[in-house]
Amino acid sequence: MIHIDTTIYVSVANQSYSYLPLGLPCEFKLQLEEQKARLFEKLFLQLNSLEFDNIVRAHLPYIPYHLDESNDEIDMRMKKIYALIHEFGDQHTKEFVEQLPYFH
């Protein structure tokens, strides 16, 4: 099977990715297969759902923030996102990600 790499532009801050730099801010430019690019969409959708759960939890004072499992789930998704960025980024991107606390 032939694998054709494509370029995507990823914005972790905006939880989005694009195949074209349409003037939207992006932090990373990656080269990867299109199927793997869709992993970003899945992870960003999961983050949005978990963050909504956090909004609900924030209004329930009997659940302490540090005991909320959705925070751990958000951290896990962020680790996966940065692992993908590290895997498919250039050398400069890899060095940046290696400095992040999520990488260790």
N, C-alpha and C. Protein backbone atom coordinates (compact mmCIF):
# COMPACT_ATOMS: atom_id res chain seq x y z
N MET A 1 0.84 -1.17 0.00
CA MET A 1 0.00 0.00 0.00
C MET A 1 0.89 1.24 0.00
N ILE A 2 0.51 2.19 -0.79
CA ILE A 2 1.28 3.43 -0.90
C ILE A 2 0.79 4.42 0.15
N HIS A 3 1.73 4.98 0.89
CA HIS A 3 1.39 6.00 1.89
C HIS A 3 1.88 7.35 1.38
N ILE A 4 0.97 8.29 1.30
CA ILE A 4 1.33 9.63 0.86
C ILE A 4 1.20 10.57 2.05
N ASP A 5 2.30 11.20 2.39
CA ASP A 5 2.26 12.16 3.49
C ASP A 5 1.64 13.46 3.02
N THR A 6 0.94 14.09 3.93
CA THR A 6 0.33 15.37 3.66
C THR A 6 0.74 16.34 4.76
N THR A 7 0.63 17.60 4.50
CA THR A 7 0.97 18.61 5.50
C THR A 7 -0.30 19.06 6.21
N ILE A 8 -0.24 19.11 7.53
CA ILE A 8 -1.34 19.69 8.28
C ILE A 8 -0.78 20.76 9.22
N TYR A 9 -1.64 21.69 9.56
CA TYR A 9 -1.31 22.78 10.46
C TYR A 9 -2.16 22.61 11.71
N VAL A 10 -1.51 22.47 12.86
CA VAL A 10 -2.18 22.14 14.11
C VAL A 10 -2.12 23.31 15.08
N SER A 11 -3.27 23.60 15.68
CA SER A 11 -3.34 24.58 16.75
C SER A 11 -3.88 23.89 18.00
N VAL A 12 -3.01 23.65 18.95
CA VAL A 12 -3.44 23.03 20.20
C VAL A 12 -4.29 24.01 20.99
N ALA A 13 -3.92 25.27 20.97
CA ALA A 13 -4.67 26.30 21.72
C ALA A 13 -6.11 26.40 21.23
N ASN A 14 -6.32 26.29 19.92
CA ASN A 14 -7.67 26.37 19.36
C ASN A 14 -8.30 25.00 19.14
N GLN A 15 -7.57 23.96 19.50
CA GLN A 15 -8.03 22.59 19.33
C GLN A 15 -8.54 22.35 17.91
N SER A 16 -7.67 22.63 16.94
CA SER A 16 -8.06 22.46 15.55
C SER A 16 -6.85 22.11 14.70
N TYR A 17 -7.15 21.62 13.51
CA TYR A 17 -6.11 21.39 12.52
C TYR A 17 -6.69 21.69 11.15
N SER A 18 -5.80 21.95 10.20
CA SER A 18 -6.24 22.30 8.86
C SER A 18 -5.21 21.80 7.86
N TYR A 19 -5.69 21.52 6.66
CA TYR A 19 -4.78 21.11 5.59
C TYR A 19 -4.19 22.31 4.85
N LEU A 20 -4.78 23.47 5.08
CA LEU A 20 -4.31 24.70 4.45
C LEU A 20 -4.12 25.77 5.52
N PRO A 21 -3.06 26.56 5.41
CA PRO A 21 -2.90 27.67 6.37
C PRO A 21 -3.82 28.82 5.96
N LEU A 22 -5.01 28.83 6.51
CA LEU A 22 -6.04 29.78 6.09
C LEU A 22 -6.03 31.07 6.91
N GLY A 23 -4.92 31.43 7.43
CA GLY A 23 -4.86 32.63 8.25
C GLY A 23 -5.18 32.37 9.70
N LEU A 24 -5.57 31.13 10.01
CA LEU A 24 -5.84 30.78 11.40
C LEU A 24 -4.51 30.54 12.10
N PRO A 25 -4.43 30.92 13.36
CA PRO A 25 -3.17 30.68 14.06
C PRO A 25 -2.93 29.18 14.25
N CYS A 26 -1.73 28.75 13.98
CA CYS A 26 -1.37 27.36 14.24
C CYS A 26 0.03 27.34 14.84
N GLU A 27 0.24 26.41 15.73
CA GLU A 27 1.54 26.32 16.39
C GLU A 27 2.49 25.36 15.69
N PHE A 28 1.94 24.38 14.96
CA PHE A 28 2.78 23.31 14.42
C PHE A 28 2.41 22.99 12.97
N LYS A 29 3.43 22.69 12.19
CA LYS A 29 3.27 22.21 10.82
C LYS A 29 3.83 20.79 10.79
N LEU A 30 3.00 19.82 10.43
CA LEU A 30 3.38 18.42 10.51
C LEU A 30 3.24 17.73 9.16
N GLN A 31 4.05 16.71 8.94
CA GLN A 31 3.96 15.85 7.76
C GLN A 31 3.54 14.46 8.23
N LEU A 32 2.37 14.00 7.78
CA LEU A 32 1.90 12.68 8.17
C LEU A 32 0.83 12.19 7.20
N GLU A 33 0.48 10.93 7.34
CA GLU A 33 -0.56 10.35 6.50
C GLU A 33 -1.92 10.94 6.88
N GLU A 34 -2.80 11.03 5.92
CA GLU A 34 -4.10 11.64 6.15
C GLU A 34 -4.90 10.90 7.23
N GLN A 35 -4.80 9.57 7.26
CA GLN A 35 -5.51 8.81 8.28
C GLN A 35 -5.05 9.19 9.68
N LYS A 36 -3.78 9.40 9.83
CA LYS A 36 -3.24 9.77 11.14
C LYS A 36 -3.60 11.20 11.49
N ALA A 37 -3.79 12.04 10.50
CA ALA A 37 -4.20 13.42 10.77
C ALA A 37 -5.57 13.44 11.42
N ARG A 38 -6.41 12.49 11.07
CA ARG A 38 -7.76 12.44 11.66
C ARG A 38 -7.73 12.13 13.15
N LEU A 39 -6.62 11.59 13.64
CA LEU A 39 -6.49 11.36 15.08
C LEU A 39 -6.60 12.68 15.85
N PHE A 40 -6.08 13.76 15.26
CA PHE A 40 -6.18 15.06 15.92
C PHE A 40 -7.64 15.46 16.09
N GLU A 41 -8.45 15.22 15.06
CA GLU A 41 -9.88 15.56 15.15
C GLU A 41 -10.53 14.79 16.29
N LYS A 42 -10.26 13.49 16.38
CA LYS A 42 -10.85 12.67 17.44
C LYS A 42 -10.41 13.15 18.82
N LEU A 43 -9.12 13.41 18.96
CA LEU A 43 -8.63 13.86 20.26
C LEU A 43 -9.18 15.23 20.65
N PHE A 44 -9.28 16.14 19.69
CA PHE A 44 -9.83 17.46 19.99
C PHE A 44 -11.31 17.36 20.35
N LEU A 45 -12.07 16.49 19.71
CA LEU A 45 -13.48 16.31 20.07
C LEU A 45 -13.61 15.73 21.48
N GLN A 46 -12.73 14.79 21.82
CA GLN A 46 -12.75 14.24 23.17
C GLN A 46 -12.42 15.31 24.20
N LEU A 47 -11.45 16.17 23.89
CA LEU A 47 -11.10 17.26 24.80
C LEU A 47 -12.29 18.19 25.02
N ASN A 48 -12.97 18.54 23.94
CA ASN A 48 -14.14 19.43 24.07
C ASN A 48 -15.19 18.82 24.98
N SER A 49 -15.44 17.54 24.82
CA SER A 49 -16.43 16.87 25.66
C SER A 49 -15.99 16.85 27.13
N LEU A 50 -14.73 16.53 27.36
CA LEU A 50 -14.23 16.50 28.74
C LEU A 50 -14.23 17.88 29.38
N GLU A 51 -13.92 18.90 28.60
CA GLU A 51 -13.93 20.25 29.15
C GLU A 51 -15.34 20.70 29.49
N PHE A 52 -16.32 20.25 28.72
CA PHE A 52 -17.71 20.56 29.09
C PHE A 52 -18.05 19.90 30.42
N ASP A 53 -17.61 18.65 30.60
CA ASP A 53 -17.83 17.97 31.89
C ASP A 53 -17.19 18.76 33.03
N ASN A 54 -16.04 19.36 32.78
CA ASN A 54 -15.37 20.18 33.80
C ASN A 54 -16.18 21.42 34.14
N ILE A 55 -16.82 22.01 33.14
CA ILE A 55 -17.66 23.18 33.40
C ILE A 55 -18.78 22.81 34.35
N VAL A 56 -19.39 21.66 34.10
CA VAL A 56 -20.47 21.19 34.98
C VAL A 56 -19.93 20.93 36.37
N ARG A 57 -18.78 20.26 36.46
CA ARG A 57 -18.19 19.93 37.75
C ARG A 57 -17.81 21.17 38.54
N ALA A 58 -17.43 22.21 37.85
CA ALA A 58 -17.02 23.45 38.53
C ALA A 58 -18.17 24.06 39.33
N HIS A 59 -19.39 23.72 38.97
CA HIS A 59 -20.55 24.26 39.67
C HIS A 59 -21.04 23.34 40.79
N LEU A 60 -20.29 22.28 41.03
CA LEU A 60 -20.64 21.34 42.10
C LEU A 60 -19.54 21.39 43.16
N PRO A 61 -19.74 22.18 44.19
CA PRO A 61 -18.67 22.39 45.17
C PRO A 61 -18.28 21.15 45.98
N TYR A 62 -19.09 20.12 45.97
CA TYR A 62 -18.77 18.94 46.76
C TYR A 62 -17.81 17.98 46.04
N ILE A 63 -17.40 18.31 44.80
CA ILE A 63 -16.39 17.52 44.10
C ILE A 63 -15.13 18.38 43.99
N PRO A 64 -14.11 18.09 44.80
CA PRO A 64 -12.88 18.88 44.73
C PRO A 64 -12.19 18.76 43.38
N TYR A 65 -11.62 19.82 42.93
CA TYR A 65 -10.95 19.87 41.64
C TYR A 65 -9.90 18.78 41.50
N HIS A 66 -9.09 18.61 42.53
CA HIS A 66 -7.98 17.66 42.45
C HIS A 66 -8.43 16.20 42.47
N LEU A 67 -9.69 15.94 42.77
CA LEU A 67 -10.21 14.58 42.76
C LEU A 67 -11.08 14.29 41.53
N ASP A 68 -11.13 15.21 40.61
CA ASP A 68 -11.98 15.07 39.43
C ASP A 68 -11.25 14.27 38.35
N GLU A 69 -11.80 13.13 37.99
CA GLU A 69 -11.14 12.23 37.02
C GLU A 69 -11.07 12.84 35.63
N SER A 70 -11.99 13.73 35.28
CA SER A 70 -11.95 14.29 33.93
C SER A 70 -10.70 15.15 33.73
N ASN A 71 -10.16 15.72 34.80
CA ASN A 71 -8.90 16.46 34.66
C ASN A 71 -7.77 15.54 34.23
N ASP A 72 -7.74 14.34 34.80
CA ASP A 72 -6.73 13.36 34.41
C ASP A 72 -6.93 12.92 32.96
N GLU A 73 -8.18 12.79 32.55
CA GLU A 73 -8.48 12.41 31.17
C GLU A 73 -8.04 13.51 30.20
N ILE A 74 -8.25 14.76 30.57
CA ILE A 74 -7.79 15.87 29.73
C ILE A 74 -6.28 15.84 29.59
N ASP A 75 -5.58 15.65 30.71
CA ASP A 75 -4.12 15.56 30.66
C ASP A 75 -3.65 14.41 29.76
N MET A 76 -4.34 13.28 29.83
CA MET A 76 -3.96 12.14 29.01
C MET A 76 -4.13 12.46 27.52
N ARG A 77 -5.23 13.13 27.17
CA ARG A 77 -5.45 13.50 25.76
C ARG A 77 -4.39 14.50 25.29
N MET A 78 -4.02 15.43 26.16
CA MET A 78 -2.99 16.40 25.79
C MET A 78 -1.65 15.70 25.56
N LYS A 79 -1.35 14.72 26.39
CA LYS A 79 -0.12 13.94 26.20
C LYS A 79 -0.13 13.23 24.85
N LYS A 80 -1.28 12.68 24.48
CA LYS A 80 -1.38 11.99 23.18
C LYS A 80 -1.20 12.97 22.03
N ILE A 81 -1.79 14.14 22.16
CA ILE A 81 -1.67 15.17 21.11
C ILE A 81 -0.21 15.56 20.94
N TYR A 82 0.46 15.84 22.05
CA TYR A 82 1.87 16.25 21.95
C TYR A 82 2.76 15.09 21.51
N ALA A 83 2.39 13.86 21.82
CA ALA A 83 3.16 12.72 21.33
C ALA A 83 3.06 12.62 19.81
N LEU A 84 1.87 12.87 19.27
CA LEU A 84 1.70 12.87 17.81
C LEU A 84 2.48 14.02 17.18
N ILE A 85 2.42 15.18 17.80
CA ILE A 85 3.15 16.33 17.29
C ILE A 85 4.65 16.03 17.29
N HIS A 86 5.12 15.42 18.36
CA HIS A 86 6.53 15.06 18.45
C HIS A 86 6.91 14.05 17.37
N GLU A 87 6.06 13.07 17.15
CA GLU A 87 6.36 12.01 16.19
C GLU A 87 6.43 12.53 14.75
N PHE A 88 5.56 13.46 14.40
CA PHE A 88 5.46 13.90 13.01
C PHE A 88 6.01 15.30 12.75
N GLY A 89 6.57 15.92 13.77
CA GLY A 89 7.13 17.25 13.60
C GLY A 89 8.57 17.21 13.12
N ASP A 90 9.06 18.38 12.76
CA ASP A 90 10.47 18.48 12.36
C ASP A 90 11.34 18.52 13.62
N GLN A 91 12.64 18.65 13.44
CA GLN A 91 13.57 18.62 14.57
C GLN A 91 13.29 19.74 15.57
N HIS A 92 13.00 20.92 15.08
CA HIS A 92 12.69 22.06 15.96
C HIS A 92 11.44 21.76 16.80
N THR A 93 10.43 21.18 16.18
CA THR A 93 9.20 20.82 16.88
C THR A 93 9.48 19.76 17.94
N LYS A 94 10.27 18.76 17.57
CA LYS A 94 10.61 17.70 18.53
C LYS A 94 11.32 18.28 19.76
N GLU A 95 12.27 19.18 19.53
CA GLU A 95 12.99 19.79 20.65
C GLU A 95 12.05 20.60 21.53
N PHE A 96 11.10 21.31 20.92
CA PHE A 96 10.14 22.09 21.70
C PHE A 96 9.28 21.17 22.58
N VAL A 97 8.74 20.12 21.99
CA VAL A 97 7.87 19.21 22.73
C VAL A 97 8.63 18.52 23.85
N GLU A 98 9.88 18.20 23.63
CA GLU A 98 10.69 17.53 24.65
C GLU A 98 10.90 18.40 25.88
N GLN A 99 10.72 19.69 25.75
CA GLN A 99 10.86 20.60 26.88
C GLN A 99 9.58 20.74 27.70
N LEU A 100 8.47 20.25 27.19
CA LEU A 100 7.18 20.39 27.87
C LEU A 100 7.05 19.40 29.02
N PRO A 101 6.32 19.78 30.06
CA PRO A 101 6.15 18.85 31.19
C PRO A 101 5.37 17.60 30.80
N TYR A 102 4.52 17.68 29.78
CA TYR A 102 3.77 16.51 29.33
C TYR A 102 4.68 15.43 28.76
N PHE A 103 5.83 15.84 28.24
CA PHE A 103 6.70 14.88 27.57
C PHE A 103 7.42 13.97 28.55
N HIS A 104 7.63 14.40 29.75
CA HIS A 104 8.41 13.62 30.70
C HIS A 104 7.59 12.64 31.46
